[in-house]
Amino acid sequence: SILLLQRLDKVFSVPNQNLSEATRQEFTEITKSFPAQ
């Protein structure tokens, strides 16, 4: 979990509603490396 959250920290500039579609896609893709639940 720590490694995954640190990776998520690097994919966006500022967390807000205006995240680009590419950032959202990368965010979702990274979380696929963890169990589905």
PDB file of all heavy atoms in Angstrom:
ATOM      1  N   SER A   1       0.830  -1.206   0.000  1.00  0.00           N
ATOM      2  CA  SER A   1       0.000   0.000   0.000  1.00  0.00           C
ATOM      3  C   SER A   1       0.867   1.258   0.000  1.00  0.00           C
ATOM      4  O   SER A   1       0.581   2.235  -0.711  1.00  0.00           O
ATOM      5  CB  SER A   1      -0.909  -0.001   1.234  1.00  0.00           C
ATOM      6  OG  SER A   1      -1.753  -1.122   1.243  1.00  0.00           O
ATOM      7  N   ILE A   2       1.930   1.232   0.791  1.00  0.00           N
ATOM      8  CA  ILE A   2       2.821   2.393   0.848  1.00  0.00           C
ATOM      9  C   ILE A   2       3.446   2.665  -0.523  1.00  0.00           C
ATOM     10  O   ILE A   2       3.472   3.797  -1.017  1.00  0.00           O
ATOM     11  CB  ILE A   2       3.912   2.166   1.907  1.00  0.00           C
ATOM     12  CG1 ILE A   2       3.286   2.203   3.313  1.00  0.00           C
ATOM     13  CG2 ILE A   2       5.008   3.219   1.795  1.00  0.00           C
ATOM     14  CD1 ILE A   2       4.236   1.829   4.413  1.00  0.00           C
ATOM     15  N   LEU A   3       3.935   1.608  -1.163  1.00  0.00           N
ATOM     16  CA  LEU A   3       4.544   1.775  -2.484  1.00  0.00           C
ATOM     17  C   LEU A   3       3.524   2.298  -3.497  1.00  0.00           C
ATOM     18  O   LEU A   3       3.831   3.168  -4.324  1.00  0.00           O
ATOM     19  CB  LEU A   3       5.125   0.444  -2.967  1.00  0.00           C
ATOM     20  CG  LEU A   3       6.319  -0.105  -2.177  1.00  0.00           C
ATOM     21  CD1 LEU A   3       6.712  -1.472  -2.697  1.00  0.00           C
ATOM     22  CD2 LEU A   3       7.503   0.853  -2.281  1.00  0.00           C
ATOM     23  N   LEU A   4       2.301   1.769  -3.434  1.00  0.00           N
ATOM     24  CA  LEU A   4       1.266   2.186  -4.375  1.00  0.00           C
ATOM     25  C   LEU A   4       0.892   3.652  -4.168  1.00  0.00           C
ATOM     26  O   LEU A   4       0.780   4.422  -5.136  1.00  0.00           O
ATOM     27  CB  LEU A   4       0.028   1.301  -4.204  1.00  0.00           C
ATOM     28  CG  LEU A   4      -1.145   1.580  -5.157  1.00  0.00           C
ATOM     29  CD1 LEU A   4      -0.718   1.404  -6.595  1.00  0.00           C
ATOM     30  CD2 LEU A   4      -2.305   0.653  -4.839  1.00  0.00           C
ATOM     31  N   LEU A   5       0.713   4.074  -2.919  1.00  0.00           N
ATOM     32  CA  LEU A   5       0.347   5.465  -2.647  1.00  0.00           C
ATOM     33  C   LEU A   5       1.462   6.429  -3.043  1.00  0.00           C
ATOM     34  O   LEU A   5       1.206   7.540  -3.523  1.00  0.00           O
ATOM     35  CB  LEU A   5      -0.006   5.626  -1.166  1.00  0.00           C
ATOM     36  CG  LEU A   5      -1.328   4.963  -0.734  1.00  0.00           C
ATOM     37  CD1 LEU A   5      -1.467   4.990   0.773  1.00  0.00           C
ATOM     38  CD2 LEU A   5      -2.518   5.639  -1.396  1.00  0.00           C
ATOM     39  N   GLN A   6       2.708   6.014  -2.855  1.00  0.00           N
ATOM     40  CA  GLN A   6       3.828   6.860  -3.276  1.00  0.00           C
ATOM     41  C   GLN A   6       3.865   7.005  -4.799  1.00  0.00           C
ATOM     42  O   GLN A   6       4.205   8.066  -5.318  1.00  0.00           O
ATOM     43  CB  GLN A   6       5.146   6.270  -2.760  1.00  0.00           C
ATOM     44  CG  GLN A   6       5.307   6.435  -1.253  1.00  0.00           C
ATOM     45  CD  GLN A   6       6.536   5.744  -0.719  1.00  0.00           C
ATOM     46  OE1 GLN A   6       7.042   4.782  -1.314  1.00  0.00           O
ATOM     47  NE2 GLN A   6       7.042   6.216   0.406  1.00  0.00           N
ATOM     48  N   ARG A   7       3.488   5.933  -5.502  1.00  0.00           N
ATOM     49  CA  ARG A   7       3.423   6.025  -6.961  1.00  0.00           C
ATOM     50  C   ARG A   7       2.287   6.956  -7.391  1.00  0.00           C
ATOM     51  O   ARG A   7       2.440   7.755  -8.313  1.00  0.00           O
ATOM     52  CB  ARG A   7       3.213   4.641  -7.560  1.00  0.00           C
ATOM     53  CG  ARG A   7       4.434   3.732  -7.464  1.00  0.00           C
ATOM     54  CD  ARG A   7       4.191   2.431  -8.194  1.00  0.00           C
ATOM     55  NE  ARG A   7       3.985   2.687  -9.611  1.00  0.00           N
ATOM     56  CZ  ARG A   7       3.481   1.787 -10.451  1.00  0.00           C
ATOM     57  NH1 ARG A   7       3.123   0.597 -10.009  1.00  0.00           N
ATOM     58  NH2 ARG A   7       3.320   2.074 -11.723  1.00  0.00           N
ATOM     59  N   LEU A   8       1.148   6.880  -6.702  1.00  0.00           N
ATOM     60  CA  LEU A   8       0.023   7.753  -7.030  1.00  0.00           C
ATOM     61  C   LEU A   8       0.374   9.219  -6.802  1.00  0.00           C
ATOM     62  O   LEU A   8      -0.111  10.108  -7.514  1.00  0.00           O
ATOM     63  CB  LEU A   8      -1.200   7.375  -6.197  1.00  0.00           C
ATOM     64  CG  LEU A   8      -1.834   6.011  -6.482  1.00  0.00           C
ATOM     65  CD1 LEU A   8      -2.962   5.735  -5.504  1.00  0.00           C
ATOM     66  CD2 LEU A   8      -2.351   5.948  -7.915  1.00  0.00           C
ATOM     67  N   ASP A   9       1.225   9.489  -5.822  1.00  0.00           N
ATOM     68  CA  ASP A   9       1.629  10.856  -5.502  1.00  0.00           C
ATOM     69  C   ASP A   9       2.338  11.525  -6.685  1.00  0.00           C
ATOM     70  O   ASP A   9       2.377  12.735  -6.801  1.00  0.00           O
ATOM     71  CB  ASP A   9       2.545  10.833  -4.277  1.00  0.00           C
ATOM     72  CG  ASP A   9       2.877  12.224  -3.779  1.00  0.00           C
ATOM     73  OD1 ASP A   9       2.163  13.173  -4.145  1.00  0.00           O
ATOM     74  OD2 ASP A   9       3.859  12.368  -3.027  1.00  0.00           O
ATOM     75  N   LYS A  10       2.889  10.693  -7.582  1.00  0.00           N
ATOM     76  CA  LYS A  10       3.712  11.237  -8.664  1.00  0.00           C
ATOM     77  C   LYS A  10       2.943  11.469  -9.968  1.00  0.00           C
ATOM     78  O   LYS A  10       3.507  11.964 -10.938  1.00  0.00           O
ATOM     79  CB  LYS A  10       4.884  10.299  -8.935  1.00  0.00           C
ATOM     80  CG  LYS A  10       5.807  10.134  -7.728  1.00  0.00           C
ATOM     81  CD  LYS A  10       6.916   9.133  -8.022  1.00  0.00           C
ATOM     82  CE  LYS A  10       7.821   8.945  -6.807  1.00  0.00           C
ATOM     83  NZ  LYS A  10       8.889   7.942  -7.066  1.00  0.00           N
ATOM     84  N   VAL A  11       1.657  11.096 -10.042  1.00  0.00           N
ATOM     85  CA  VAL A  11       0.979  11.132 -11.329  1.00  0.00           C
ATOM     86  C   VAL A  11       0.155  12.411 -11.548  1.00  0.00           C
ATOM     87  O   VAL A  11      -0.419  12.586 -12.611  1.00  0.00           O
ATOM     88  CB  VAL A  11       0.048   9.905 -11.497  1.00  0.00           C
ATOM     89  CG1 VAL A  11       0.810   8.639 -11.310  1.00  0.00           C
ATOM     90  CG2 VAL A  11      -1.133   9.976 -10.539  1.00  0.00           C
ATOM     91  N   PHE A  12       0.070  13.298 -10.569  1.00  0.00           N
ATOM     92  CA  PHE A  12      -0.722  14.508 -10.765  1.00  0.00           C
ATOM     93  C   PHE A  12      -0.034  15.679 -10.083  1.00  0.00           C
ATOM     94  O   PHE A  12       0.850  15.507  -9.240  1.00  0.00           O
ATOM     95  CB  PHE A  12      -2.138  14.330 -10.218  1.00  0.00           C
ATOM     96  CG  PHE A  12      -2.177  13.862  -8.802  1.00  0.00           C
ATOM     97  CD1 PHE A  12      -2.081  14.751  -7.749  1.00  0.00           C
ATOM     98  CD2 PHE A  12      -2.286  12.506  -8.526  1.00  0.00           C
ATOM     99  CE1 PHE A  12      -2.092  14.303  -6.457  1.00  0.00           C
ATOM    100  CE2 PHE A  12      -2.303  12.052  -7.226  1.00  0.00           C
ATOM    101  CZ  PHE A  12      -2.200  12.966  -6.191  1.00  0.00           C
ATOM    102  N   SER A  13      -0.439  16.883 -10.441  1.00  0.00           N
ATOM    103  CA  SER A  13       0.165  18.089  -9.860  1.00  0.00           C
ATOM    104  C   SER A  13      -0.568  18.503  -8.584  1.00  0.00           C
ATOM    105  O   SER A  13      -0.018  18.468  -7.500  1.00  0.00           O
ATOM    106  CB  SER A  13       0.149  19.233 -10.874  1.00  0.00           C
ATOM    107  OG  SER A  13      -1.186  19.459 -11.346  1.00  0.00           O
ATOM    108  N   VAL A  14      -1.860  18.847  -8.722  1.00  0.00           N
ATOM    109  CA  VAL A  14      -2.663  19.237  -7.556  1.00  0.00           C
ATOM    110  C   VAL A  14      -3.962  18.447  -7.585  1.00  0.00           C
ATOM    111  O   VAL A  14      -4.635  18.397  -8.622  1.00  0.00           O
ATOM    112  CB  VAL A  14      -2.974  20.748  -7.561  1.00  0.00           C
ATOM    113  CG1 VAL A  14      -3.853  21.106  -6.366  1.00  0.00           C
ATOM    114  CG2 VAL A  14      -1.687  21.550  -7.544  1.00  0.00           C
ATOM    115  N   PRO A  15      -4.373  17.788  -6.488  1.00  0.00           N
ATOM    116  CA  PRO A  15      -5.624  17.020  -6.484  1.00  0.00           C
ATOM    117  C   PRO A  15      -6.849  17.927  -6.506  1.00  0.00           C
ATOM    118  O   PRO A  15      -7.119  18.633  -5.543  1.00  0.00           O
ATOM    119  CB  PRO A  15      -5.532  16.229  -5.171  1.00  0.00           C
ATOM    120  CG  PRO A  15      -4.623  17.026  -4.305  1.00  0.00           C
ATOM    121  CD  PRO A  15      -3.639  17.691  -5.219  1.00  0.00           C
ATOM    122  N   ASN A  16      -7.573  17.935  -7.604  1.00  0.00           N
ATOM    123  CA  ASN A  16      -8.815  18.705  -7.699  1.00  0.00           C
ATOM    124  C   ASN A  16      -9.720  18.062  -8.741  1.00  0.00           C
ATOM    125  O   ASN A  16      -9.374  17.056  -9.352  1.00  0.00           O
ATOM    126  CB  ASN A  16      -8.541  20.177  -8.034  1.00  0.00           C
ATOM    127  CG  ASN A  16      -7.680  20.336  -9.286  1.00  0.00           C
ATOM    128  OD1 ASN A  16      -7.933  19.671 -10.290  1.00  0.00           O
ATOM    129  ND2 ASN A  16      -6.661  21.175  -9.200  1.00  0.00           N
ATOM    130  N   GLN A  17     -10.855  18.676  -8.965  1.00  0.00           N
ATOM    131  CA  GLN A  17     -11.837  18.110  -9.892  1.00  0.00           C
ATOM    132  C   GLN A  17     -11.392  18.202 -11.350  1.00  0.00           C
ATOM    133  O   GLN A  17     -11.974  17.581 -12.228  1.00  0.00           O
ATOM    134  CB  GLN A  17     -13.179  18.849  -9.733  1.00  0.00           C
ATOM    135  CG  GLN A  17     -13.827  18.657  -8.375  1.00  0.00           C
ATOM    136  CD  GLN A  17     -14.473  17.297  -8.226  1.00  0.00           C
ATOM    137  OE1 GLN A  17     -14.426  16.488  -9.135  1.00  0.00           O
ATOM    138  NE2 GLN A  17     -15.057  17.025  -7.061  1.00  0.00           N
ATOM    139  N   ASN A  18     -10.362  18.997 -11.625  1.00  0.00           N
ATOM    140  CA  ASN A  18      -9.954  19.244 -13.001  1.00  0.00           C
ATOM    141  C   ASN A  18      -8.802  18.354 -13.452  1.00  0.00           C
ATOM    142  O   ASN A  18      -7.987  18.740 -14.283  1.00  0.00           O
ATOM    143  CB  ASN A  18      -9.554  20.722 -13.156  1.00  0.00           C
ATOM    144  CG  ASN A  18     -10.697  21.662 -12.833  1.00  0.00           C
ATOM    145  OD1 ASN A  18     -11.826  21.386 -13.214  1.00  0.00           O
ATOM    146  ND2 ASN A  18     -10.406  22.742 -12.133  1.00  0.00           N
ATOM    147  N   LEU A  19      -8.700  17.167 -12.876  1.00  0.00           N
ATOM    148  CA  LEU A  19      -7.655  16.228 -13.304  1.00  0.00           C
ATOM    149  C   LEU A  19      -7.859  15.887 -14.776  1.00  0.00           C
ATOM    150  O   LEU A  19      -8.986  15.652 -15.223  1.00  0.00           O
ATOM    151  CB  LEU A  19      -7.698  14.941 -12.473  1.00  0.00           C
ATOM    152  CG  LEU A  19      -7.363  15.070 -10.987  1.00  0.00           C
ATOM    153  CD1 LEU A  19      -7.529  13.710 -10.324  1.00  0.00           C
ATOM    154  CD2 LEU A  19      -5.948  15.567 -10.788  1.00  0.00           C
ATOM    155  N   SER A  20      -6.756  15.873 -15.541  1.00  0.00           N
ATOM    156  CA  SER A  20      -6.855  15.532 -16.957  1.00  0.00           C
ATOM    157  C   SER A  20      -7.242  14.064 -17.114  1.00  0.00           C
ATOM    158  O   SER A  20      -7.044  13.247 -16.216  1.00  0.00           O
ATOM    159  CB  SER A  20      -5.517  15.786 -17.647  1.00  0.00           C
ATOM    160  OG  SER A  20      -4.538  14.882 -17.177  1.00  0.00           O
ATOM    161  N   GLU A  21      -7.805  13.759 -18.295  1.00  0.00           N
ATOM    162  CA  GLU A  21      -8.217  12.383 -18.557  1.00  0.00           C
ATOM    163  C   GLU A  21      -7.013  11.449 -18.530  1.00  0.00           C
ATOM    164  O   GLU A  21      -7.098  10.315 -18.064  1.00  0.00           O
ATOM    165  CB  GLU A  21      -8.912  12.310 -19.918  1.00  0.00           C
ATOM    166  CG  GLU A  21      -9.458  10.925 -20.247  1.00  0.00           C
ATOM    167  CD  GLU A  21     -10.509  10.474 -19.244  1.00  0.00           C
ATOM    168  OE1 GLU A  21     -11.181  11.348 -18.636  1.00  0.00           O
ATOM    169  OE2 GLU A  21     -10.646   9.249 -19.037  1.00  0.00           O
ATOM    170  N   ALA A  22      -5.871  11.927 -19.033  1.00  0.00           N
ATOM    171  CA  ALA A  22      -4.651  11.093 -19.017  1.00  0.00           C
ATOM    172  C   ALA A  22      -4.219  10.779 -17.598  1.00  0.00           C
ATOM    173  O   ALA A  22      -3.817   9.653 -17.285  1.00  0.00           O
ATOM    174  CB  ALA A  22      -3.522  11.810 -19.766  1.00  0.00           C
ATOM    175  N   THR A  23      -4.328  11.783 -16.710  1.00  0.00           N
ATOM    176  CA  THR A  23      -3.964  11.569 -15.301  1.00  0.00           C
ATOM    177  C   THR A  23      -4.914  10.578 -14.648  1.00  0.00           C
ATOM    178  O   THR A  23      -4.502   9.692 -13.896  1.00  0.00           O
ATOM    179  CB  THR A  23      -4.002  12.897 -14.533  1.00  0.00           C
ATOM    180  OG1 THR A  23      -3.064  13.793 -15.118  1.00  0.00           O
ATOM    181  CG2 THR A  23      -3.630  12.677 -13.066  1.00  0.00           C
ATOM    182  N   ARG A  24      -6.211  10.712 -14.948  1.00  0.00           N
ATOM    183  CA  ARG A  24      -7.195   9.781 -14.386  1.00  0.00           C
ATOM    184  C   ARG A  24      -6.928   8.352 -14.865  1.00  0.00           C
ATOM    185  O   ARG A  24      -7.019   7.390 -14.097  1.00  0.00           O
ATOM    186  CB  ARG A  24      -8.610  10.218 -14.786  1.00  0.00           C
ATOM    187  CG  ARG A  24      -9.061  11.508 -14.124  1.00  0.00           C
ATOM    188  CD  ARG A  24     -10.373  12.019 -14.722  1.00  0.00           C
ATOM    189  NE  ARG A  24     -10.791  13.257 -14.087  1.00  0.00           N
ATOM    190  CZ  ARG A  24     -11.657  13.341 -13.090  1.00  0.00           C
ATOM    191  NH1 ARG A  24     -12.185  12.239 -12.601  1.00  0.00           N
ATOM    192  NH2 ARG A  24     -11.983  14.505 -12.567  1.00  0.00           N
ATOM    193  N   GLN A  25      -6.600   8.228 -16.151  1.00  0.00           N
ATOM    194  CA  GLN A  25      -6.314   6.898 -16.703  1.00  0.00           C
ATOM    195  C   GLN A  25      -5.079   6.288 -16.031  1.00  0.00           C
ATOM    196  O   GLN A  25      -5.074   5.105 -15.672  1.00  0.00           O
ATOM    197  CB  GLN A  25      -6.086   6.995 -18.223  1.00  0.00           C
ATOM    198  CG  GLN A  25      -7.349   7.272 -19.016  1.00  0.00           C
ATOM    199  CD  GLN A  25      -8.253   6.057 -19.063  1.00  0.00           C
ATOM    200  OE1 GLN A  25      -7.861   4.949 -18.743  1.00  0.00           O
ATOM    201  NE2 GLN A  25      -9.501   6.265 -19.469  1.00  0.00           N
ATOM    202  N   GLU A  26      -4.033   7.094 -15.853  1.00  0.00           N
ATOM    203  CA  GLU A  26      -2.809   6.588 -15.224  1.00  0.00           C
ATOM    204  C   GLU A  26      -3.065   6.225 -13.767  1.00  0.00           C
ATOM    205  O   GLU A  26      -2.580   5.214 -13.262  1.00  0.00           O
ATOM    206  CB  GLU A  26      -1.701   7.634 -15.318  1.00  0.00           C
ATOM    207  CG  GLU A  26      -0.342   7.117 -14.830  1.00  0.00           C
ATOM    208  CD  GLU A  26       0.779   8.114 -15.071  1.00  0.00           C
ATOM    209  OE1 GLU A  26       0.514   9.223 -15.595  1.00  0.00           O
ATOM    210  OE2 GLU A  26       1.924   7.773 -14.739  1.00  0.00           O
ATOM    211  N   PHE A  27      -3.869   7.059 -13.081  1.00  0.00           N
ATOM    212  CA  PHE A  27      -4.248   6.787 -11.690  1.00  0.00           C
ATOM    213  C   PHE A  27      -4.935   5.423 -11.588  1.00  0.00           C
ATOM    214  O   PHE A  27      -4.597   4.588 -10.742  1.00  0.00           O
ATOM    215  CB  PHE A  27      -5.181   7.903 -11.215  1.00  0.00           C
ATOM    216  CG  PHE A  27      -5.550   7.836  -9.757  1.00  0.00           C
ATOM    217  CD1 PHE A  27      -4.883   8.592  -8.820  1.00  0.00           C
ATOM    218  CD2 PHE A  27      -6.584   7.015  -9.315  1.00  0.00           C
ATOM    219  CE1 PHE A  27      -5.237   8.546  -7.479  1.00  0.00           C
ATOM    220  CE2 PHE A  27      -6.945   6.947  -7.989  1.00  0.00           C
ATOM    221  CZ  PHE A  27      -6.256   7.732  -7.069  1.00  0.00           C
ATOM    222  N   THR A  28      -5.904   5.197 -12.473  1.00  0.00           N
ATOM    223  CA  THR A  28      -6.656   3.939 -12.462  1.00  0.00           C
ATOM    224  C   THR A  28      -5.764   2.759 -12.813  1.00  0.00           C
ATOM    225  O   THR A  28      -5.868   1.683 -12.219  1.00  0.00           O
ATOM    226  CB  THR A  28      -7.829   4.020 -13.460  1.00  0.00           C
ATOM    227  OG1 THR A  28      -8.653   5.123 -13.110  1.00  0.00           O
ATOM    228  CG2 THR A  28      -8.651   2.739 -13.417  1.00  0.00           C
ATOM    229  N   GLU A  29      -4.855   2.959 -13.773  1.00  0.00           N
ATOM    230  CA  GLU A  29      -3.987   1.863 -14.218  1.00  0.00           C
ATOM    231  C   GLU A  29      -3.052   1.404 -13.100  1.00  0.00           C
ATOM    232  O   GLU A  29      -2.812   0.218 -12.911  1.00  0.00           O
ATOM    233  CB  GLU A  29      -3.171   2.316 -15.439  1.00  0.00           C
ATOM    234  CG  GLU A  29      -2.434   1.193 -16.155  1.00  0.00           C
ATOM    235  CD  GLU A  29      -3.394   0.207 -16.797  1.00  0.00           C
ATOM    236  OE1 GLU A  29      -4.534   0.596 -17.147  1.00  0.00           O
ATOM    237  OE2 GLU A  29      -3.010  -0.971 -16.939  1.00  0.00           O
ATOM    238  N   ILE A  30      -2.532   2.373 -12.336  1.00  0.00           N
ATOM    239  CA  ILE A  30      -1.613   2.031 -11.245  1.00  0.00           C
ATOM    240  C   ILE A  30      -2.327   1.182 -10.206  1.00  0.00           C
ATOM    241  O   ILE A  30      -1.766   0.209  -9.678  1.00  0.00           O
ATOM    242  CB  ILE A  30      -1.042   3.309 -10.605  1.00  0.00           C
ATOM    243  CG1 ILE A  30      -0.069   3.989 -11.582  1.00  0.00           C
ATOM    244  CG2 ILE A  30      -0.316   2.986  -9.299  1.00  0.00           C
ATOM    245  CD1 ILE A  30       0.454   5.318 -11.094  1.00  0.00           C
ATOM    246  N   THR A  31      -3.580   1.493  -9.890  1.00  0.00           N
ATOM    247  CA  THR A  31      -4.303   0.758  -8.848  1.00  0.00           C
ATOM    248  C   THR A  31      -4.620  -0.670  -9.256  1.00  0.00           C
ATOM    249  O   THR A  31      -4.954  -1.499  -8.415  1.00  0.00           O
ATOM    250  CB  THR A  31      -5.612   1.478  -8.483  1.00  0.00           C
ATOM    251  OG1 THR A  31      -6.435   1.572  -9.648  1.00  0.00           O
ATOM    252  CG2 THR A  31      -5.331   2.865  -7.946  1.00  0.00           C
ATOM    253  N   LYS A  32      -4.503  -0.985 -10.565  1.00  0.00           N
ATOM    254  CA  LYS A  32      -4.781  -2.351 -11.008  1.00  0.00           C
ATOM    255  C   LYS A  32      -3.729  -3.339 -10.526  1.00  0.00           C
ATOM    256  O   LYS A  32      -3.933  -4.548 -10.588  1.00  0.00           O
ATOM    257  CB  LYS A  32      -4.870  -2.409 -12.530  1.00  0.00           C
ATOM    258  CG  LYS A  32      -6.116  -1.736 -13.104  1.00  0.00           C
ATOM    259  CD  LYS A  32      -6.148  -1.834 -14.613  1.00  0.00           C
ATOM    260  CE  LYS A  32      -7.392  -1.155 -15.180  1.00  0.00           C
ATOM    261  NZ  LYS A  32      -7.418  -1.237 -16.674  1.00  0.00           N
ATOM    262  N   SER A  33      -2.581  -2.847 -10.067  1.00  0.00           N
ATOM    263  CA  SER A  33      -1.531  -3.745  -9.583  1.00  0.00           C
ATOM    264  C   SER A  33      -1.850  -4.305  -8.208  1.00  0.00           C
ATOM    265  O   SER A  33      -1.143  -5.175  -7.718  1.00  0.00           O
ATOM    266  CB  SER A  33      -0.190  -3.007  -9.522  1.00  0.00           C
ATOM    267  OG  SER A  33      -0.254  -1.933  -8.593  1.00  0.00           O
ATOM    268  N   PHE A  34      -2.922  -3.807  -7.565  1.00  0.00           N
ATOM    269  CA  PHE A  34      -3.296  -4.289  -6.241  1.00  0.00           C
ATOM    270  C   PHE A  34      -4.507  -5.199  -6.369  1.00  0.00           C
ATOM    271  O   PHE A  34      -5.134  -5.248  -7.427  1.00  0.00           O
ATOM    272  CB  PHE A  34      -3.606  -3.092  -5.330  1.00  0.00           C
ATOM    273  CG  PHE A  34      -2.884  -3.149  -4.013  1.00  0.00           C
ATOM    274  CD1 PHE A  34      -1.506  -3.221  -3.982  1.00  0.00           C
ATOM    275  CD2 PHE A  34      -3.576  -3.151  -2.822  1.00  0.00           C
ATOM    276  CE1 PHE A  34      -0.837  -3.286  -2.779  1.00  0.00           C
ATOM    277  CE2 PHE A  34      -2.913  -3.209  -1.615  1.00  0.00           C
ATOM    278  CZ  PHE A  34      -1.528  -3.282  -1.602  1.00  0.00           C
ATOM    279  N   PRO A  35      -4.855  -5.965  -5.322  1.00  0.00           N
ATOM    280  CA  PRO A  35      -6.032  -6.838  -5.407  1.00  0.00           C
ATOM    281  C   PRO A  35      -7.281  -6.078  -5.846  1.00  0.00           C
ATOM    282  O   PRO A  35      -7.457  -4.897  -5.534  1.00  0.00           O
ATOM    283  CB  PRO A  35      -6.178  -7.368  -3.966  1.00  0.00           C
ATOM    284  CG  PRO A  35      -4.788  -7.338  -3.429  1.00  0.00           C
ATOM    285  CD  PRO A  35      -4.138  -6.134  -4.057  1.00  0.00           C
ATOM    286  N   ALA A  36      -8.164  -6.786  -6.566  1.00  0.00           N
ATOM    287  CA  ALA A  36      -9.319  -6.134  -7.184  1.00  0.00           C
ATOM    288  C   ALA A  36     -10.233  -5.464  -6.157  1.00  0.00           C
ATOM    289  O   ALA A  36     -10.884  -4.462  -6.459  1.00  0.00           O
ATOM    290  CB  ALA A  36     -10.100  -7.166  -8.002  1.00  0.00           C
ATOM    291  N   GLN A  37     -10.303  -5.999  -4.937  1.00  0.00           N
ATOM    292  CA  GLN A  37     -11.233  -5.438  -3.960  1.00  0.00           C
ATOM    293  C   GLN A  37     -10.748  -4.103  -3.389  1.00  0.00           C
ATOM    294  O   GLN A  37     -11.520  -3.347  -2.819  1.00  0.00           O
ATOM    295  CB  GLN A  37     -11.438  -6.420  -2.798  1.00  0.00           C
ATOM    296  CG  GLN A  37     -11.888  -7.795  -3.227  1.00  0.00           C
ATOM    297  CD  GLN A  37     -10.699  -8.729  -3.388  1.00  0.00           C
ATOM    298  OE1 GLN A  37      -9.622  -8.310  -3.812  1.00  0.00           O
ATOM    299  NE2 GLN A  37     -10.890  -9.993  -3.057  1.00  0.00           N
TER     300      GLN A  37
END
